[in-house]
Amino acid sequence: IDALDALAAEHTIPTYIGFDCTADSLHVGSLVQIMMLRIL
């Protein structure tokens, strides 16, 4: 976390989350990950 924090303070970090296509929509159970990408 400390190295990641230092990197995020100085550089733009390309960051990914994967989502398998098991249904034709996501539900609220995936919303934390979506919000994390939005905040990022």
PDB file of all heavy atoms in Angstrom:
ATOM      1  N   ILE A   1       0.813  -1.209   0.000  1.00  0.00           N
ATOM      2  CA  ILE A   1       0.000   0.000   0.000  1.00  0.00           C
ATOM      3  C   ILE A   1       0.850   1.264   0.000  1.00  0.00           C
ATOM      4  O   ILE A   1       0.499   2.268  -0.637  1.00  0.00           O
ATOM      5  CB  ILE A   1      -0.985  -0.010   1.196  1.00  0.00           C
ATOM      6  CG1 ILE A   1      -2.053   1.071   1.028  1.00  0.00           C
ATOM      7  CG2 ILE A   1      -0.247   0.135   2.504  1.00  0.00           C
ATOM      8  CD1 ILE A   1      -3.018   0.808  -0.083  1.00  0.00           C
ATOM      9  N   ASP A   2       1.996   1.244   0.674  1.00  0.00           N
ATOM     10  CA  ASP A   2       2.837   2.444   0.737  1.00  0.00           C
ATOM     11  C   ASP A   2       3.463   2.751  -0.627  1.00  0.00           C
ATOM     12  O   ASP A   2       3.489   3.913  -1.060  1.00  0.00           O
ATOM     13  CB  ASP A   2       3.930   2.277   1.793  1.00  0.00           C
ATOM     14  CG  ASP A   2       3.359   2.230   3.206  1.00  0.00           C
ATOM     15  OD1 ASP A   2       2.296   2.848   3.438  1.00  0.00           O
ATOM     16  OD2 ASP A   2       3.972   1.583   4.075  1.00  0.00           O
ATOM     17  N   ALA A   3       3.963   1.715  -1.296  1.00  0.00           N
ATOM     18  CA  ALA A   3       4.555   1.920  -2.623  1.00  0.00           C
ATOM     19  C   ALA A   3       3.484   2.346  -3.621  1.00  0.00           C
ATOM     20  O   ALA A   3       3.718   3.214  -4.471  1.00  0.00           O
ATOM     21  CB  ALA A   3       5.245   0.638  -3.095  1.00  0.00           C
ATOM     22  N   LEU A   4       2.304   1.746  -3.530  1.00  0.00           N
ATOM     23  CA  LEU A   4       1.203   2.117  -4.415  1.00  0.00           C
ATOM     24  C   LEU A   4       0.773   3.555  -4.169  1.00  0.00           C
ATOM     25  O   LEU A   4       0.518   4.312  -5.123  1.00  0.00           O
ATOM     26  CB  LEU A   4       0.019   1.159  -4.195  1.00  0.00           C
ATOM     27  CG  LEU A   4      -1.241   1.419  -5.008  1.00  0.00           C
ATOM     28  CD1 LEU A   4      -0.961   1.325  -6.503  1.00  0.00           C
ATOM     29  CD2 LEU A   4      -2.339   0.435  -4.615  1.00  0.00           C
ATOM     30  N   ASP A   5       0.710   3.947  -2.923  1.00  0.00           N
ATOM     31  CA  ASP A   5       0.347   5.319  -2.562  1.00  0.00           C
ATOM     32  C   ASP A   5       1.354   6.310  -3.128  1.00  0.00           C
ATOM     33  O   ASP A   5       0.968   7.349  -3.701  1.00  0.00           O
ATOM     34  CB  ASP A   5       0.285   5.433  -1.039  1.00  0.00           C
ATOM     35  CG  ASP A   5      -0.076   6.827  -0.559  1.00  0.00           C
ATOM     36  OD1 ASP A   5      -0.967   7.452  -1.172  1.00  0.00           O
ATOM     37  OD2 ASP A   5       0.523   7.276   0.436  1.00  0.00           O
ATOM     38  N   ALA A   6       2.635   6.008  -2.996  1.00  0.00           N
ATOM     39  CA  ALA A   6       3.681   6.897  -3.531  1.00  0.00           C
ATOM     40  C   ALA A   6       3.582   7.005  -5.047  1.00  0.00           C
ATOM     41  O   ALA A   6       3.736   8.095  -5.617  1.00  0.00           O
ATOM     42  CB  ALA A   6       5.055   6.375  -3.116  1.00  0.00           C
ATOM     43  N   LEU A   7       3.315   5.889  -5.709  1.00  0.00           N
ATOM     44  CA  LEU A   7       3.172   5.885  -7.165  1.00  0.00           C
ATOM     45  C   LEU A   7       1.963   6.714  -7.595  1.00  0.00           C
ATOM     46  O   LEU A   7       2.047   7.523  -8.529  1.00  0.00           O
ATOM     47  CB  LEU A   7       3.024   4.443  -7.667  1.00  0.00           C
ATOM     48  CG  LEU A   7       2.965   4.247  -9.182  1.00  0.00           C
ATOM     49  CD1 LEU A   7       4.310   4.595  -9.818  1.00  0.00           C
ATOM     50  CD2 LEU A   7       2.578   2.807  -9.509  1.00  0.00           C
ATOM     51  N   ALA A   8       0.836   6.558  -6.891  1.00  0.00           N
ATOM     52  CA  ALA A   8      -0.387   7.277  -7.237  1.00  0.00           C
ATOM     53  C   ALA A   8      -0.250   8.778  -7.003  1.00  0.00           C
ATOM     54  O   ALA A   8      -0.916   9.585  -7.655  1.00  0.00           O
ATOM     55  CB  ALA A   8      -1.565   6.732  -6.424  1.00  0.00           C
ATOM     56  N   ALA A   9       0.621   9.165  -6.074  1.00  0.00           N
ATOM     57  CA  ALA A   9       0.832  10.584  -5.784  1.00  0.00           C
ATOM     58  C   ALA A   9       1.621  11.283  -6.878  1.00  0.00           C
ATOM     59  O   ALA A   9       1.518  12.508  -7.040  1.00  0.00           O
ATOM     60  CB  ALA A   9       1.546  10.735  -4.439  1.00  0.00           C
ATOM     61  N   GLU A  10       2.384  10.519  -7.654  1.00  0.00           N
ATOM     62  CA  GLU A  10       3.282  11.114  -8.653  1.00  0.00           C
ATOM     63  C   GLU A  10       2.904  10.807 -10.097  1.00  0.00           C
ATOM     64  O   GLU A  10       3.266  11.559 -10.998  1.00  0.00           O
ATOM     65  CB  GLU A  10       4.713  10.618  -8.399  1.00  0.00           C
ATOM     66  CG  GLU A  10       5.278  10.990  -7.044  1.00  0.00           C
ATOM     67  CD  GLU A  10       5.488  12.493  -6.890  1.00  0.00           C
ATOM     68  OE1 GLU A  10       5.665  13.165  -7.940  1.00  0.00           O
ATOM     69  OE2 GLU A  10       5.462  12.984  -5.745  1.00  0.00           O
ATOM     70  N   HIS A  11       2.183   9.708 -10.334  1.00  0.00           N
ATOM     71  CA  HIS A  11       1.940   9.265 -11.710  1.00  0.00           C
ATOM     72  C   HIS A  11       0.484   8.863 -11.923  1.00  0.00           C
ATOM     73  O   HIS A  11      -0.236   8.546 -10.975  1.00  0.00           O
ATOM     74  CB  HIS A  11       2.844   8.071 -12.049  1.00  0.00           C
ATOM     75  CG  HIS A  11       4.306   8.340 -11.888  1.00  0.00           C
ATOM     76  ND1 HIS A  11       5.061   9.044 -12.810  1.00  0.00           N
ATOM     77  CD2 HIS A  11       5.165   8.004 -10.877  1.00  0.00           C
ATOM     78  CE1 HIS A  11       6.306   9.121 -12.404  1.00  0.00           C
ATOM     79  NE2 HIS A  11       6.396   8.500 -11.224  1.00  0.00           N
ATOM     80  N   THR A  12       0.095   8.880 -13.202  1.00  0.00           N
ATOM     81  CA  THR A  12      -1.203   8.326 -13.590  1.00  0.00           C
ATOM     82  C   THR A  12      -1.087   6.808 -13.645  1.00  0.00           C
ATOM     83  O   THR A  12      -0.205   6.276 -14.314  1.00  0.00           O
ATOM     84  CB  THR A  12      -1.639   8.859 -14.970  1.00  0.00           C
ATOM     85  OG1 THR A  12      -1.779  10.279 -14.891  1.00  0.00           O
ATOM     86  CG2 THR A  12      -2.961   8.239 -15.406  1.00  0.00           C
ATOM     87  N   ILE A  13      -1.962   6.112 -12.930  1.00  0.00           N
ATOM     88  CA  ILE A  13      -1.882   4.654 -12.843  1.00  0.00           C
ATOM     89  C   ILE A  13      -2.992   4.009 -13.682  1.00  0.00           C
ATOM     90  O   ILE A  13      -4.169   4.124 -13.340  1.00  0.00           O
ATOM     91  CB  ILE A  13      -2.011   4.167 -11.388  1.00  0.00           C
ATOM     92  CG1 ILE A  13      -0.932   4.793 -10.509  1.00  0.00           C
ATOM     93  CG2 ILE A  13      -1.922   2.652 -11.329  1.00  0.00           C
ATOM     94  CD1 ILE A  13      -1.018   4.364  -9.064  1.00  0.00           C
ATOM     95  N   PRO A  14      -2.635   3.331 -14.771  1.00  0.00           N
ATOM     96  CA  PRO A  14      -3.641   2.519 -15.473  1.00  0.00           C
ATOM     97  C   PRO A  14      -4.026   1.330 -14.582  1.00  0.00           C
ATOM     98  O   PRO A  14      -3.157   0.590 -14.103  1.00  0.00           O
ATOM     99  CB  PRO A  14      -2.910   2.056 -16.744  1.00  0.00           C
ATOM    100  CG  PRO A  14      -1.734   2.992 -16.877  1.00  0.00           C
ATOM    101  CD  PRO A  14      -1.345   3.333 -15.470  1.00  0.00           C
ATOM    102  N   THR A  15      -5.319   1.179 -14.353  1.00  0.00           N
ATOM    103  CA  THR A  15      -5.819   0.200 -13.375  1.00  0.00           C
ATOM    104  C   THR A  15      -6.976  -0.585 -13.969  1.00  0.00           C
ATOM    105  O   THR A  15      -7.874  -0.003 -14.577  1.00  0.00           O
ATOM    106  CB  THR A  15      -6.305   0.925 -12.111  1.00  0.00           C
ATOM    107  OG1 THR A  15      -5.228   1.678 -11.553  1.00  0.00           O
ATOM    108  CG2 THR A  15      -6.843  -0.054 -11.085  1.00  0.00           C
ATOM    109  N   TYR A  16      -6.969  -1.894 -13.740  1.00  0.00           N
ATOM    110  CA  TYR A  16      -8.068  -2.679 -14.312  1.00  0.00           C
ATOM    111  C   TYR A  16      -8.824  -3.488 -13.278  1.00  0.00           C
ATOM    112  O   TYR A  16      -8.313  -3.861 -12.227  1.00  0.00           O
ATOM    113  CB  TYR A  16      -7.540  -3.576 -15.431  1.00  0.00           C
ATOM    114  CG  TYR A  16      -7.262  -5.021 -15.109  1.00  0.00           C
ATOM    115  CD1 TYR A  16      -8.243  -6.004 -15.278  1.00  0.00           C
ATOM    116  CD2 TYR A  16      -5.994  -5.437 -14.669  1.00  0.00           C
ATOM    117  CE1 TYR A  16      -7.984  -7.343 -15.020  1.00  0.00           C
ATOM    118  CE2 TYR A  16      -5.722  -6.772 -14.413  1.00  0.00           C
ATOM    119  CZ  TYR A  16      -6.722  -7.716 -14.582  1.00  0.00           C
ATOM    120  OH  TYR A  16      -6.460  -9.050 -14.325  1.00  0.00           O
ATOM    121  N   ILE A  17     -10.086  -3.723 -13.620  1.00  0.00           N
ATOM    122  CA  ILE A  17     -10.930  -4.705 -12.938  1.00  0.00           C
ATOM    123  C   ILE A  17     -11.593  -5.535 -14.035  1.00  0.00           C
ATOM    124  O   ILE A  17     -12.044  -4.991 -15.044  1.00  0.00           O
ATOM    125  CB  ILE A  17     -12.005  -4.050 -12.051  1.00  0.00           C
ATOM    126  CG1 ILE A  17     -11.363  -3.174 -10.978  1.00  0.00           C
ATOM    127  CG2 ILE A  17     -12.879  -5.124 -11.398  1.00  0.00           C
ATOM    128  CD1 ILE A  17     -12.369  -2.471 -10.071  1.00  0.00           C
ATOM    129  N   GLY A  18     -11.641  -6.833 -13.828  1.00  0.00           N
ATOM    130  CA  GLY A  18     -12.250  -7.721 -14.809  1.00  0.00           C
ATOM    131  C   GLY A  18     -13.688  -8.070 -14.450  1.00  0.00           C
ATOM    132  O   GLY A  18     -14.034  -8.219 -13.268  1.00  0.00           O
ATOM    133  N   PHE A  19     -14.524  -8.202 -15.479  1.00  0.00           N
ATOM    134  CA  PHE A  19     -15.935  -8.545 -15.293  1.00  0.00           C
ATOM    135  C   PHE A  19     -16.304  -9.624 -16.308  1.00  0.00           C
ATOM    136  O   PHE A  19     -16.304  -9.368 -17.519  1.00  0.00           O
ATOM    137  CB  PHE A  19     -16.830  -7.318 -15.494  1.00  0.00           C
ATOM    138  CG  PHE A  19     -16.552  -6.198 -14.520  1.00  0.00           C
ATOM    139  CD1 PHE A  19     -15.562  -5.265 -14.796  1.00  0.00           C
ATOM    140  CD2 PHE A  19     -17.262  -6.096 -13.342  1.00  0.00           C
ATOM    141  CE1 PHE A  19     -15.291  -4.230 -13.907  1.00  0.00           C
ATOM    142  CE2 PHE A  19     -16.997  -5.070 -12.444  1.00  0.00           C
ATOM    143  CZ  PHE A  19     -16.010  -4.135 -12.722  1.00  0.00           C
ATOM    144  N   ASP A  20     -16.589 -10.815 -15.830  1.00  0.00           N
ATOM    145  CA  ASP A  20     -17.015 -11.879 -16.738  1.00  0.00           C
ATOM    146  C   ASP A  20     -18.442 -11.620 -17.215  1.00  0.00           C
ATOM    147  O   ASP A  20     -19.262 -11.015 -16.512  1.00  0.00           O
ATOM    148  CB  ASP A  20     -16.922 -13.244 -16.055  1.00  0.00           C
ATOM    149  CG  ASP A  20     -15.514 -13.820 -16.107  1.00  0.00           C
ATOM    150  OD1 ASP A  20     -14.671 -13.261 -16.832  1.00  0.00           O
ATOM    151  OD2 ASP A  20     -15.251 -14.835 -15.418  1.00  0.00           O
ATOM    152  N   CYS A  21     -18.722 -12.115 -18.418  1.00  0.00           N
ATOM    153  CA  CYS A  21     -19.999 -11.810 -19.081  1.00  0.00           C
ATOM    154  C   CYS A  21     -21.015 -12.925 -18.823  1.00  0.00           C
ATOM    155  O   CYS A  21     -21.498 -13.581 -19.751  1.00  0.00           O
ATOM    156  CB  CYS A  21     -19.765 -11.630 -20.579  1.00  0.00           C
ATOM    157  SG  CYS A  21     -18.425 -10.473 -20.976  1.00  0.00           S
ATOM    158  N   THR A  22     -21.360 -13.135 -17.555  1.00  0.00           N
ATOM    159  CA  THR A  22     -22.255 -14.235 -17.190  1.00  0.00           C
ATOM    160  C   THR A  22     -23.721 -13.842 -17.229  1.00  0.00           C
ATOM    161  O   THR A  22     -24.599 -14.694 -17.122  1.00  0.00           O
ATOM    162  CB  THR A  22     -21.908 -14.753 -15.784  1.00  0.00           C
ATOM    163  OG1 THR A  22     -21.918 -13.650 -14.860  1.00  0.00           O
ATOM    164  CG2 THR A  22     -20.516 -15.376 -15.772  1.00  0.00           C
ATOM    165  N   ALA A  23     -24.030 -12.545 -17.356  1.00  0.00           N
ATOM    166  CA  ALA A  23     -25.407 -12.069 -17.465  1.00  0.00           C
ATOM    167  C   ALA A  23     -25.390 -10.803 -18.312  1.00  0.00           C
ATOM    168  O   ALA A  23     -24.322 -10.206 -18.547  1.00  0.00           O
ATOM    169  CB  ALA A  23     -26.007 -11.789 -16.089  1.00  0.00           C
ATOM    170  N   ASP A  24     -26.567 -10.375 -18.772  1.00  0.00           N
ATOM    171  CA  ASP A  24     -26.617  -9.213 -19.652  1.00  0.00           C
ATOM    172  C   ASP A  24     -26.672  -7.892 -18.890  1.00  0.00           C
ATOM    173  O   ASP A  24     -26.964  -6.843 -19.461  1.00  0.00           O
ATOM    174  CB  ASP A  24     -27.797  -9.319 -20.633  1.00  0.00           C
ATOM    175  CG  ASP A  24     -29.140  -9.437 -19.926  1.00  0.00           C
ATOM    176  OD1 ASP A  24     -29.159  -9.475 -18.680  1.00  0.00           O
ATOM    177  OD2 ASP A  24     -30.165  -9.512 -20.632  1.00  0.00           O
ATOM    178  N   SER A  25     -26.406  -7.942 -17.599  1.00  0.00           N
ATOM    179  CA  SER A  25     -26.270  -6.740 -16.783  1.00  0.00           C
ATOM    180  C   SER A  25     -25.444  -7.096 -15.563  1.00  0.00           C
ATOM    181  O   SER A  25     -25.296  -8.273 -15.218  1.00  0.00           O
ATOM    182  CB  SER A  25     -27.650  -6.219 -16.347  1.00  0.00           C
ATOM    183  OG  SER A  25     -27.519  -5.122 -15.441  1.00  0.00           O
ATOM    184  N   LEU A  26     -24.889  -6.082 -14.922  1.00  0.00           N
ATOM    185  CA  LEU A  26     -24.299  -6.258 -13.602  1.00  0.00           C
ATOM    186  C   LEU A  26     -25.347  -5.870 -12.564  1.00  0.00           C
ATOM    187  O   LEU A  26     -26.308  -5.164 -12.877  1.00  0.00           O
ATOM    188  CB  LEU A  26     -23.059  -5.377 -13.456  1.00  0.00           C
ATOM    189  CG  LEU A  26     -21.902  -5.667 -14.416  1.00  0.00           C
ATOM    190  CD1 LEU A  26     -20.800  -4.629 -14.261  1.00  0.00           C
ATOM    191  CD2 LEU A  26     -21.349  -7.065 -14.214  1.00  0.00           C
ATOM    192  N   HIS A  27     -25.170  -6.345 -11.328  1.00  0.00           N
ATOM    193  CA  HIS A  27     -26.088  -5.935 -10.279  1.00  0.00           C
ATOM    194  C   HIS A  27     -25.322  -5.224  -9.168  1.00  0.00           C
ATOM    195  O   HIS A  27     -24.108  -4.991  -9.274  1.00  0.00           O
ATOM    196  CB  HIS A  27     -26.917  -7.111  -9.757  1.00  0.00           C
ATOM    197  CG  HIS A  27     -26.128  -8.258  -9.201  1.00  0.00           C
ATOM    198  ND1 HIS A  27     -25.255  -8.136  -8.149  1.00  0.00           N
ATOM    199  CD2 HIS A  27     -26.100  -9.568  -9.546  1.00  0.00           C
ATOM    200  CE1 HIS A  27     -24.723  -9.295  -7.859  1.00  0.00           C
ATOM    201  NE2 HIS A  27     -25.210 -10.199  -8.700  1.00  0.00           N
ATOM    202  N   VAL A  28     -26.036  -4.857  -8.124  1.00  0.00           N
ATOM    203  CA  VAL A  28     -25.456  -4.049  -7.052  1.00  0.00           C
ATOM    204  C   VAL A  28     -24.238  -4.715  -6.422  1.00  0.00           C
ATOM    205  O   VAL A  28     -23.360  -4.037  -5.890  1.00  0.00           O
ATOM    206  CB  VAL A  28     -26.545  -3.731  -5.999  1.00  0.00           C
ATOM    207  CG1 VAL A  28     -25.943  -3.224  -4.706  1.00  0.00           C
ATOM    208  CG2 VAL A  28     -27.510  -2.691  -6.554  1.00  0.00           C
ATOM    209  N   GLY A  29     -24.142  -6.038  -6.522  1.00  0.00           N
ATOM    210  CA  GLY A  29     -22.978  -6.734  -5.993  1.00  0.00           C
ATOM    211  C   GLY A  29     -21.676  -6.329  -6.652  1.00  0.00           C
ATOM    212  O   GLY A  29     -20.591  -6.521  -6.092  1.00  0.00           O
ATOM    213  N   SER A  30     -21.752  -5.757  -7.855  1.00  0.00           N
ATOM    214  CA  SER A  30     -20.548  -5.281  -8.566  1.00  0.00           C
ATOM    215  C   SER A  30     -20.342  -3.780  -8.407  1.00  0.00           C
ATOM    216  O   SER A  30     -19.372  -3.234  -8.947  1.00  0.00           O
ATOM    217  CB  SER A  30     -20.666  -5.602 -10.065  1.00  0.00           C
ATOM    218  OG  SER A  30     -20.732  -6.987 -10.297  1.00  0.00           O
ATOM    219  N   LEU A  31     -21.231  -3.121  -7.675  1.00  0.00           N
ATOM    220  CA  LEU A  31     -21.202  -1.666  -7.652  1.00  0.00           C
ATOM    221  C   LEU A  31     -19.999  -1.099  -6.901  1.00  0.00           C
ATOM    222  O   LEU A  31     -19.520  -0.011  -7.241  1.00  0.00           O
ATOM    223  CB  LEU A  31     -22.508  -1.131  -7.050  1.00  0.00           C
ATOM    224  CG  LEU A  31     -22.795   0.355  -7.256  1.00  0.00           C
ATOM    225  CD1 LEU A  31     -22.664   0.763  -8.711  1.00  0.00           C
ATOM    226  CD2 LEU A  31     -24.194   0.705  -6.733  1.00  0.00           C
ATOM    227  N   VAL A  32     -19.489  -1.806  -5.913  1.00  0.00           N
ATOM    228  CA  VAL A  32     -18.287  -1.327  -5.226  1.00  0.00           C
ATOM    229  C   VAL A  32     -17.135  -1.203  -6.222  1.00  0.00           C
ATOM    230  O   VAL A  32     -16.424  -0.187  -6.250  1.00  0.00           O
ATOM    231  CB  VAL A  32     -17.899  -2.260  -4.059  1.00  0.00           C
ATOM    232  CG1 VAL A  32     -16.462  -2.006  -3.613  1.00  0.00           C
ATOM    233  CG2 VAL A  32     -18.823  -2.046  -2.878  1.00  0.00           C
ATOM    234  N   GLN A  33     -16.935  -2.235  -7.050  1.00  0.00           N
ATOM    235  CA  GLN A  33     -15.851  -2.188  -8.027  1.00  0.00           C
ATOM    236  C   GLN A  33     -16.063  -1.075  -9.056  1.00  0.00           C
ATOM    237  O   GLN A  33     -15.116  -0.395  -9.463  1.00  0.00           O
ATOM    238  CB  GLN A  33     -15.725  -3.541  -8.747  1.00  0.00           C
ATOM    239  CG  GLN A  33     -14.971  -4.595  -7.953  1.00  0.00           C
ATOM    240  CD  GLN A  33     -15.739  -5.089  -6.742  1.00  0.00           C
ATOM    241  OE1 GLN A  33     -16.902  -5.472  -6.862  1.00  0.00           O
ATOM    242  NE2 GLN A  33     -15.113  -5.075  -5.583  1.00  0.00           N
ATOM    243  N   ILE A  34     -17.307  -0.873  -9.472  1.00  0.00           N
ATOM    244  CA  ILE A  34     -17.608   0.200 -10.423  1.00  0.00           C
ATOM    245  C   ILE A  34     -17.318   1.558  -9.801  1.00  0.00           C
ATOM    246  O   ILE A  34     -16.719   2.435 -10.435  1.00  0.00           O
ATOM    247  CB  ILE A  34     -19.076   0.106 -10.882  1.00  0.00           C
ATOM    248  CG1 ILE A  34     -19.321  -1.204 -11.640  1.00  0.00           C
ATOM    249  CG2 ILE A  34     -19.446   1.292 -11.765  1.00  0.00           C
ATOM    250  CD1 ILE A  34     -20.774  -1.478 -11.961  1.00  0.00           C
ATOM    251  N   MET A  35     -17.715   1.748  -8.556  1.00  0.00           N
ATOM    252  CA  MET A  35     -17.454   3.016  -7.871  1.00  0.00           C
ATOM    253  C   MET A  35     -15.959   3.243  -7.674  1.00  0.00           C
ATOM    254  O   MET A  35     -15.479   4.385  -7.758  1.00  0.00           O
ATOM    255  CB  MET A  35     -18.180   3.042  -6.528  1.00  0.00           C
ATOM    256  CG  MET A  35     -19.694   3.156  -6.615  1.00  0.00           C
ATOM    257  SD  MET A  35     -20.273   4.678  -7.400  1.00  0.00           S
ATOM    258  CE  MET A  35     -19.698   5.913  -6.234  1.00  0.00           C
ATOM    259  N   MET A  36     -15.213   2.172  -7.438  1.00  0.00           N
ATOM    260  CA  MET A  36     -13.762   2.317  -7.293  1.00  0.00           C
ATOM    261  C   MET A  36     -13.138   2.815  -8.599  1.00  0.00           C
ATOM    262  O   MET A  36     -12.243   3.672  -8.587  1.00  0.00           O
ATOM    263  CB  MET A  36     -13.144   0.988  -6.871  1.00  0.00           C
ATOM    264  CG  MET A  36     -13.484   0.586  -5.437  1.00  0.00           C
ATOM    265  SD  MET A  36     -12.893  -1.061  -4.987  1.00  0.00           S
ATOM    266  CE  MET A  36     -11.130  -0.752  -4.770  1.00  0.00           C
ATOM    267  N   LEU A  37     -13.598   2.290  -9.722  1.00  0.00           N
ATOM    268  CA  LEU A  37     -13.094   2.766 -11.010  1.00  0.00           C
ATOM    269  C   LEU A  37     -13.496   4.217 -11.248  1.00  0.00           C
ATOM    270  O   LEU A  37     -12.713   5.007 -11.798  1.00  0.00           O
ATOM    271  CB  LEU A  37     -13.623   1.881 -12.145  1.00  0.00           C
ATOM    272  CG  LEU A  37     -13.032   0.474 -12.248  1.00  0.00           C
ATOM    273  CD1 LEU A  37     -13.739  -0.326 -13.346  1.00  0.00           C
ATOM    274  CD2 LEU A  37     -11.528   0.514 -12.516  1.00  0.00           C
ATOM    275  N   ARG A  38     -14.703   4.573 -10.836  1.00  0.00           N
ATOM    276  CA  ARG A  38     -15.161   5.958 -11.016  1.00  0.00           C
ATOM    277  C   ARG A  38     -14.318   6.923 -10.174  1.00  0.00           C
ATOM    278  O   ARG A  38     -13.883   7.972 -10.662  1.00  0.00           O
ATOM    279  CB  ARG A  38     -16.635   6.066 -10.633  1.00  0.00           C
ATOM    280  CG  ARG A  38     -17.216   7.466 -10.803  1.00  0.00           C
ATOM    281  CD  ARG A  38     -18.693   7.489 -10.465  1.00  0.00           C
ATOM    282  NE  ARG A  38     -19.218   8.842 -10.454  1.00  0.00           N
ATOM    283  CZ  ARG A  38     -19.727   9.486 -11.492  1.00  0.00           C
ATOM    284  NH1 ARG A  38     -19.766   8.884 -12.686  1.00  0.00           N
ATOM    285  NH2 ARG A  38     -20.193  10.722 -11.390  1.00  0.00           N
ATOM    286  N   ILE A  39     -14.090   6.581  -8.920  1.00  0.00           N
ATOM    287  CA  ILE A  39     -13.266   7.426  -8.053  1.00  0.00           C
ATOM    288  C   ILE A  39     -11.845   7.508  -8.598  1.00  0.00           C
ATOM    289  O   ILE A  39     -11.221   8.573  -8.609  1.00  0.00           O
ATOM    290  CB  ILE A  39     -13.281   6.891  -6.613  1.00  0.00           C
ATOM    291  CG1 ILE A  39     -14.662   7.131  -5.993  1.00  0.00           C
ATOM    292  CG2 ILE A  39     -12.186   7.536  -5.763  1.00  0.00           C
ATOM    293  CD1 ILE A  39     -14.857   6.494  -4.645  1.00  0.00           C
ATOM    294  N   LEU A  40     -11.313   6.367  -9.039  1.00  0.00           N
ATOM    295  CA  LEU A  40      -9.972   6.340  -9.621  1.00  0.00           C
ATOM    296  C   LEU A  40      -9.862   7.326 -10.779  1.00  0.00           C
ATOM    297  O   LEU A  40      -8.888   8.084 -10.882  1.00  0.00           O
ATOM    298  CB  LEU A  40      -9.659   4.916 -10.082  1.00  0.00           C
ATOM    299  CG  LEU A  40      -8.284   4.693 -10.713  1.00  0.00           C
ATOM    300  CD1 LEU A  40      -7.565   3.542 -10.013  1.00  0.00           C
ATOM    301  CD2 LEU A  40      -8.405   4.359 -12.194  1.00  0.00           C
TER     302      LEU A  40
END
